[in-house]
Each structure stands twice: as C-alpha cells, then as structure tokens.
Amino acid sequence: MGRITRHDRIAAGLIEWGSGSLRDLPWRRTNDPWRVLVSEVMLQQTSVARVMPKYEAFLEAFPTPGALAQAPLGDALRLWSGLGYPRRCRNLQATAVVLHEKFDDLMPDSLDELLALPGIGQYTARAVLAFAYRIDVAVVDVNVSRVLSRLEGVPMKARALQDLANELIPEGLAWEWNQVMMDFGARHCTVRSPQCDTCPVRSQCKYKGVGDDPAQLSAGVSKPQARFEGSDRQARGRALRAVSSGALQVNDVVEAMGVDEQRALVLITSLISEGLLERTDSTITLP
C-alpha cells in the first residue's frame, strides 16, 4: 500500500465532510446532460435561490435541446426573466440548435466538442463531463478557487488551480468530489467568515484564517458587481419585461426603462443588435 499523501488526506477529509450533508438541489438528482447544462448556465452569476423556481419551469417547456432549438427565442426569454444576463439564454438556444442539428439532441462527452458549442466555457464543459458523465475532471468555480488557494496558502493562477483540482479528485468520484468542493466553499470556507476552527482539513491547510487571505488575489475570485439600481443591466431587464406580453411602441418601452430617452434608445439598439429584441416600424417585440 502506498504512502498516504497530503492530497489523500485533503480528499478524504472533504469527502467525509460532504457525506450525507450536500444540499438537496434538483439538478443534483439527474445525470441527464441537457438538464445539467441548463442548470449550469442558469447558475452563472446567479444565486441558487433565484434559479430554483426557474429551473423546472424552463425544462418543462424545453425538455430537450430540440424543443428549445425550434422555439422562438422570445418564449425562452419570457421564462428566463428574473435570472438576468439574457445573453446566456440566447447562447443556450444557439447551443440547442447545434445539439439538435449536428448531434441528434445528444450532448457530446468530450471536452473539445463541448468547448466548441456556443457560449460554453471551460467551467461549464467540465461540469457537464463530471455531473452528467461522471468523468474524472475537476470543476473550478469561485468557491473551489477560494478553497484551493487557501489550502495552498498562496494566490494561484487559473492553470495552477485547475492542475491542483485535477490532482485532488479521488478516482471514480468526480461527481461527489466536485459537489462537495462547491458546497464546502459555499457553506464552510466562505468569503467573509470561513469556519477555520471546525475545518475538516485544518491540519492540511496552509492559511488557517491567519494573515492575508490568498483567495483574494487568486484567479476566479468573485469581484463585487457594480450597483444594480440605476444600471444599464436594470434598464435592459425592464425593456425585456415590458415587451414580454406583446409588442409595444418604442416610447412605451423607453418609459418602462426608467432612464433618460437617449440612454434608453442606445440600450434598445444594443438589445436589438444582440438578437434579444426585434423592431418593426415603431414597435418593439421579443424575437
């Protein structure tokens, strides 16, 4: 039997911490690649609490890539309303079109093929491989980045974080390990109040809550968002909601946005250029 390494102890300690205590989330009850993908796209920059009521409703309407691929984008945007960042919904539909037309509604199971899909980055591609196909790949989100850099006691770049995460995965336990790591960062090794005194891997951690937090300078660290109230994001969201029930006159959309007319018109133009709104003569609708 080989020598037990520090990495072995970290893996064992965290797996034991997560055993039987992971949050019960709907996307953790499925290994369907499409459902996994939808959840991961929805969860980007959006809290679990906001995603929960939207997830099942969206998948009830679009249970397969083909269902979303063949639907008007406006139908998807109506269900997406409240999650923010509607470009994600547009990109998800673009991915659905590729999956429907080129893959017969099946999700690829290789990293390169997943990365070639519209709007799918390194994190999302690996999440599909780990959570749908249970392939031994590491998923590094902001929570995992924070845990890893604190364990090592130094700020870490993206490549180093990914390499360390890959080394830590217990063979055959990619699903469990990645879920535990994300929950541990979200619930225990938190941004402002890490519970270092009761940490299951305290003896292996090089930070232990003492001195400068290395996570603050690591890749993937969460940056404070600009104020939402009065922002372009808020005004864009108001424009999309305003037309969700049907076409409106341009002036009515401008009024609903709550910003000055010139700024509103610029934002409407950007929404049209992104394919999130359509304009016909003097009216504006969802696509």
Protein backbone atom coordinates (compact mmCIF):
# COMPACT_ATOMS: atom_id res chain seq x y z
CA MET A 1 0.00 0.00 0.00
CA GLY A 2 1.40 3.39 -0.98
CA ARG A 3 2.18 6.23 1.38
CA ILE A 4 -0.79 8.43 2.30
CA THR A 5 -0.11 11.89 0.92
CA ARG A 6 -1.33 15.35 1.95
CA HIS A 7 -3.62 15.32 -1.08
CA ASP A 8 -5.09 12.00 0.05
CA ARG A 9 -5.84 13.47 3.47
CA ILE A 10 -7.47 16.54 1.94
CA ALA A 11 -9.66 14.42 -0.31
CA ALA A 12 -10.66 12.07 2.49
CA GLY A 13 -11.44 14.89 4.91
CA LEU A 14 -13.63 16.80 2.49
CA ILE A 15 -15.45 13.73 1.18
CA GLU A 16 -16.26 12.80 4.78
CA TRP A 17 -17.46 16.36 5.46
CA GLY A 18 -19.83 16.20 2.49
CA SER A 19 -21.09 12.68 3.09
CA GLY A 20 -24.83 12.88 3.62
CA SER A 21 -24.84 16.66 4.03
CA LEU A 22 -24.88 18.04 0.49
CA ARG A 23 -27.67 20.46 -0.30
CA ASP A 24 -30.64 18.78 -1.97
CA LEU A 25 -30.82 20.62 -5.28
CA PRO A 26 -32.93 19.49 -8.27
CA TRP A 27 -30.01 19.38 -10.70
CA ARG A 28 -28.22 17.01 -8.33
CA ARG A 29 -30.98 14.45 -8.84
CA THR A 30 -30.27 13.92 -12.52
CA ASN A 31 -27.46 12.82 -14.79
CA ASP A 32 -29.27 13.98 -17.93
CA PRO A 33 -26.68 16.10 -19.79
CA TRP A 34 -29.24 18.62 -21.08
CA ARG A 35 -30.67 19.23 -17.60
CA VAL A 36 -27.17 19.54 -16.18
CA LEU A 37 -26.23 22.06 -18.87
CA VAL A 38 -29.35 24.16 -18.29
CA SER A 39 -28.66 24.31 -14.55
CA GLU A 40 -25.02 25.29 -15.04
CA VAL A 41 -25.87 28.08 -17.48
CA MET A 42 -28.60 29.40 -15.17
CA LEU A 43 -26.28 29.36 -12.15
CA GLN A 44 -23.63 31.54 -13.79
CA GLN A 45 -23.53 34.79 -11.76
CA THR A 46 -26.95 33.94 -10.30
CA SER A 47 -27.80 32.60 -6.84
CA VAL A 48 -29.26 29.17 -6.21
CA ALA A 49 -32.35 30.80 -4.65
CA ARG A 50 -33.14 32.68 -7.87
CA VAL A 51 -32.51 29.67 -10.11
CA MET A 52 -34.62 27.16 -8.15
CA PRO A 53 -38.10 28.37 -9.27
CA LYS A 54 -36.96 28.89 -12.87
CA TYR A 55 -35.16 25.60 -13.47
CA GLU A 56 -38.10 23.19 -13.55
CA ALA A 57 -40.38 25.61 -15.42
CA PHE A 58 -37.77 26.10 -18.14
CA LEU A 59 -37.18 22.37 -18.54
CA GLU A 60 -40.89 21.63 -18.57
CA ALA A 61 -41.18 23.93 -21.57
CA PHE A 62 -37.90 22.81 -23.18
CA PRO A 63 -37.18 19.23 -22.03
CA THR A 64 -34.75 18.58 -24.91
CA PRO A 65 -32.33 20.62 -26.99
CA GLY A 66 -34.68 20.21 -29.95
CA ALA A 67 -37.58 21.75 -28.06
CA LEU A 68 -35.56 24.90 -27.35
CA ALA A 69 -33.93 24.93 -30.79
CA GLN A 70 -37.32 25.04 -32.53
CA ALA A 71 -38.96 27.58 -30.22
CA PRO A 72 -38.91 31.36 -30.69
CA LEU A 73 -36.19 32.93 -28.58
CA GLY A 74 -38.84 35.19 -27.09
CA ASP A 75 -40.57 32.20 -25.48
CA ALA A 76 -37.31 31.21 -23.78
CA LEU A 77 -36.60 34.80 -22.68
CA ARG A 78 -40.01 35.04 -21.01
CA LEU A 79 -39.22 32.02 -18.87
CA TRP A 80 -35.70 33.33 -18.25
CA SER A 81 -36.98 36.66 -16.93
CA GLY A 82 -35.67 37.32 -13.43
CA LEU A 83 -32.40 35.44 -13.86
CA GLY A 84 -30.58 38.33 -15.53
CA TYR A 85 -27.89 38.20 -18.21
CA PRO A 86 -30.27 37.23 -21.06
CA ARG A 87 -27.32 36.62 -23.40
CA ARG A 88 -26.93 33.33 -21.55
CA CYS A 89 -30.41 32.32 -22.68
CA ARG A 90 -29.63 33.32 -26.26
CA ASN A 91 -26.38 31.33 -26.18
CA LEU A 92 -28.16 28.35 -24.66
CA GLN A 93 -30.60 28.34 -27.54
CA ALA A 94 -27.71 28.59 -30.01
CA THR A 95 -26.16 25.55 -28.33
CA ALA A 96 -29.51 23.75 -28.51
CA VAL A 97 -29.62 24.36 -32.27
CA VAL A 98 -26.18 22.78 -32.71
CA LEU A 99 -27.07 19.83 -30.48
CA HIS A 100 -30.32 19.27 -32.38
CA GLU A 101 -28.92 19.64 -35.88
CA LYS A 102 -25.48 18.05 -35.50
CA PHE A 103 -25.75 15.69 -32.54
CA ASP A 104 -29.35 14.42 -32.76
CA ASP A 105 -30.14 16.08 -29.41
CA LEU A 106 -27.30 14.24 -27.67
CA MET A 107 -24.64 16.03 -25.63
CA PRO A 108 -21.01 15.40 -26.61
CA ASP A 109 -18.87 13.71 -23.97
CA SER A 110 -15.51 15.19 -24.92
CA LEU A 111 -14.06 18.44 -23.62
CA ASP A 112 -13.11 19.74 -27.08
CA GLU A 113 -16.58 19.15 -28.54
CA LEU A 114 -18.27 20.78 -25.57
CA LEU A 115 -15.98 23.82 -25.74
CA ALA A 116 -16.90 24.24 -29.42
CA LEU A 117 -20.56 24.83 -28.50
CA PRO A 118 -21.78 28.47 -28.37
CA GLY A 119 -21.18 30.13 -25.02
CA ILE A 120 -19.71 27.02 -23.35
CA GLY A 121 -16.50 27.74 -21.46
CA GLN A 122 -14.02 25.67 -19.50
CA TYR A 123 -16.09 25.55 -16.31
CA THR A 124 -19.40 24.61 -17.94
CA ALA A 125 -17.84 21.99 -20.20
CA ARG A 126 -16.16 20.29 -17.27
CA ALA A 127 -19.34 20.48 -15.20
CA VAL A 128 -21.21 18.52 -17.89
CA LEU A 129 -18.46 15.90 -18.02
CA ALA A 130 -18.31 15.50 -14.23
CA PHE A 131 -22.01 15.76 -13.33
CA ALA A 132 -23.65 14.11 -16.35
CA TYR A 133 -21.00 11.63 -17.50
CA ARG A 134 -19.13 11.24 -14.19
CA ILE A 135 -15.79 11.57 -15.94
CA ASP A 136 -12.86 12.33 -13.64
CA VAL A 137 -12.43 16.03 -14.40
CA ALA A 138 -12.25 18.85 -11.88
CA VAL A 139 -14.72 21.72 -11.92
CA VAL A 140 -13.25 25.00 -10.65
CA ASP A 141 -15.76 27.73 -9.81
CA VAL A 142 -15.27 30.71 -7.49
CA ASN A 143 -15.93 28.59 -4.39
CA VAL A 144 -13.46 25.89 -5.42
CA SER A 145 -10.86 28.52 -6.32
CA ARG A 146 -11.16 30.03 -2.84
CA VAL A 147 -10.80 26.66 -1.08
CA LEU A 148 -7.80 25.57 -3.14
CA SER A 149 -5.84 28.80 -2.78
CA ARG A 150 -6.42 28.82 0.98
CA LEU A 151 -5.29 25.21 1.25
CA GLU A 152 -2.05 26.14 -0.54
CA GLY A 153 -1.69 29.44 1.33
CA VAL A 154 -0.80 31.45 -1.78
CA PRO A 155 -2.65 33.27 -4.56
CA MET A 156 -2.96 30.96 -7.57
CA LYS A 157 -3.43 31.44 -11.30
CA ALA A 158 -6.11 29.64 -13.28
CA ARG A 159 -3.81 26.94 -14.68
CA ALA A 160 -2.36 26.13 -11.25
CA LEU A 161 -5.84 25.95 -9.73
CA GLN A 162 -7.04 23.58 -12.45
CA ASP A 163 -3.93 21.40 -12.13
CA LEU A 164 -4.31 21.14 -8.35
CA ALA A 165 -8.02 20.39 -8.65
CA ASN A 166 -7.26 17.64 -11.15
CA GLU A 167 -4.71 16.09 -8.77
CA LEU A 168 -7.12 16.04 -5.85
CA ILE A 169 -10.01 14.12 -7.47
CA PRO A 170 -10.38 10.67 -5.88
CA GLU A 171 -10.53 8.18 -8.75
CA GLY A 172 -14.09 7.39 -9.78
CA LEU A 173 -15.61 10.05 -7.51
CA ALA A 174 -15.71 13.09 -9.79
CA TRP A 175 -19.41 13.77 -9.18
CA GLU A 176 -19.15 13.52 -5.40
CA TRP A 177 -15.85 15.37 -5.15
CA ASN A 178 -16.85 18.36 -7.25
CA GLN A 179 -20.21 18.73 -5.50
CA VAL A 180 -18.52 18.57 -2.10
CA MET A 181 -15.91 21.16 -3.09
CA MET A 182 -18.53 23.63 -4.25
CA ASP A 183 -20.71 23.12 -1.18
CA PHE A 184 -17.69 23.37 1.14
CA GLY A 185 -16.76 26.73 -0.35
CA ALA A 186 -20.36 27.97 -0.29
CA ARG A 187 -21.17 26.85 3.25
CA HIS A 188 -17.96 26.38 5.26
CA CYS A 189 -14.91 28.01 3.66
CA THR A 190 -16.90 31.15 2.89
CA VAL A 191 -15.69 34.51 1.62
CA ARG A 192 -16.01 36.57 4.80
CA SER A 193 -16.40 34.07 7.64
CA PRO A 194 -14.54 30.82 6.98
CA GLN A 195 -15.14 28.34 9.80
CA CYS A 196 -11.46 27.54 10.27
CA ASP A 197 -11.82 26.22 13.83
CA THR A 198 -14.07 23.37 12.66
CA CYS A 199 -12.46 22.80 9.27
CA PRO A 200 -12.11 19.08 8.45
CA VAL A 201 -8.81 19.74 6.67
CA ARG A 202 -7.39 22.35 9.03
CA SER A 203 -4.20 20.37 9.61
CA GLN A 204 -3.56 20.30 5.84
CA CYS A 205 -4.49 23.97 5.26
CA LYS A 206 -1.63 26.47 4.97
CA TYR A 207 -3.87 29.51 5.56
CA LYS A 208 -5.95 28.60 8.66
CA GLY A 209 -7.55 32.05 8.65
CA VAL A 210 -4.33 33.79 9.68
CA GLY A 211 -2.87 36.76 7.78
CA ASP A 212 -3.76 37.94 4.28
CA ASP A 213 -6.33 35.78 2.54
CA PRO A 214 -4.64 34.28 -0.55
CA ALA A 215 -8.03 33.76 -2.18
CA GLN A 216 -8.43 37.49 -2.67
CA LEU A 217 -5.69 37.54 -5.31
CA SER A 218 -6.38 34.18 -6.93
CA ALA A 219 -7.87 33.67 -10.38
CA GLY A 220 -11.63 33.37 -10.44
CA VAL A 221 -12.14 35.34 -7.23
CA SER A 222 -15.59 36.90 -7.14
CA LYS A 223 -15.49 40.61 -7.88
CA PRO A 224 -18.15 42.90 -6.38
CA GLN A 225 -20.74 43.72 -9.00
CA ALA A 226 -21.47 47.29 -9.92
CA ARG A 227 -24.57 48.73 -8.29
CA PHE A 228 -27.69 47.31 -9.94
CA GLU A 229 -30.07 50.15 -9.12
CA GLY A 230 -29.96 52.64 -11.99
CA SER A 231 -27.59 50.47 -14.03
CA ASP A 232 -27.76 49.58 -17.72
CA ARG A 233 -28.46 45.98 -16.66
CA GLN A 234 -31.55 47.08 -14.79
CA ALA A 235 -32.80 49.20 -17.69
CA ARG A 236 -32.21 46.40 -20.20
CA GLY A 237 -34.10 43.98 -17.99
CA ARG A 238 -37.01 46.40 -17.75
CA ALA A 239 -37.12 46.66 -21.54
CA LEU A 240 -37.30 42.90 -21.93
CA ARG A 241 -40.01 42.57 -19.29
CA ALA A 242 -42.01 45.40 -20.82
CA VAL A 243 -42.41 43.57 -24.13
CA SER A 244 -42.80 40.09 -22.66
CA SER A 245 -46.58 40.26 -23.08
CA GLY A 246 -46.51 41.61 -26.63
CA ALA A 247 -45.34 44.39 -28.94
CA LEU A 248 -45.06 47.91 -27.57
CA GLN A 249 -44.46 51.31 -29.08
CA VAL A 250 -40.86 52.48 -28.76
CA ASN A 251 -41.90 55.35 -26.50
CA ASP A 252 -43.64 52.93 -24.12
CA VAL A 253 -40.52 50.78 -23.86
CA VAL A 254 -38.39 53.86 -23.21
CA GLU A 255 -40.75 54.94 -20.45
CA ALA A 256 -40.66 51.48 -18.86
CA MET A 257 -36.86 51.53 -18.72
CA GLY A 258 -36.73 54.38 -16.22
CA VAL A 259 -33.73 56.17 -17.72
CA ASP A 260 -33.38 59.19 -19.99
CA GLU A 261 -34.54 58.78 -23.58
CA GLN A 262 -31.14 58.95 -25.27
CA ARG A 263 -29.66 56.32 -22.96
CA ALA A 264 -32.74 54.12 -23.36
CA LEU A 265 -32.56 54.25 -27.15
CA VAL A 266 -28.88 53.29 -27.09
CA LEU A 267 -29.68 50.31 -24.87
CA ILE A 268 -32.60 49.27 -27.06
CA THR A 269 -30.31 49.38 -30.08
CA SER A 270 -27.81 47.14 -28.29
CA LEU A 271 -30.56 44.66 -27.36
CA ILE A 272 -31.67 44.55 -30.99
CA SER A 273 -28.11 44.03 -32.25
CA GLU A 274 -27.69 41.14 -29.77
CA GLY A 275 -30.84 39.49 -31.07
CA LEU A 276 -32.71 39.93 -27.79
CA LEU A 277 -35.29 42.36 -29.19
CA GLU A 278 -36.80 42.98 -32.61
CA ARG A 279 -38.07 46.26 -34.03
CA THR A 280 -40.78 46.58 -36.65
CA ASP A 281 -41.54 50.16 -37.70
CA SER A 282 -42.41 51.88 -34.43
CA THR A 283 -42.95 48.77 -32.28
CA ILE A 284 -40.61 46.52 -30.35
CA THR A 285 -41.11 42.83 -29.53
CA LEU A 286 -39.23 39.82 -28.27
CA PRO A 287 -37.74 37.71 -31.08
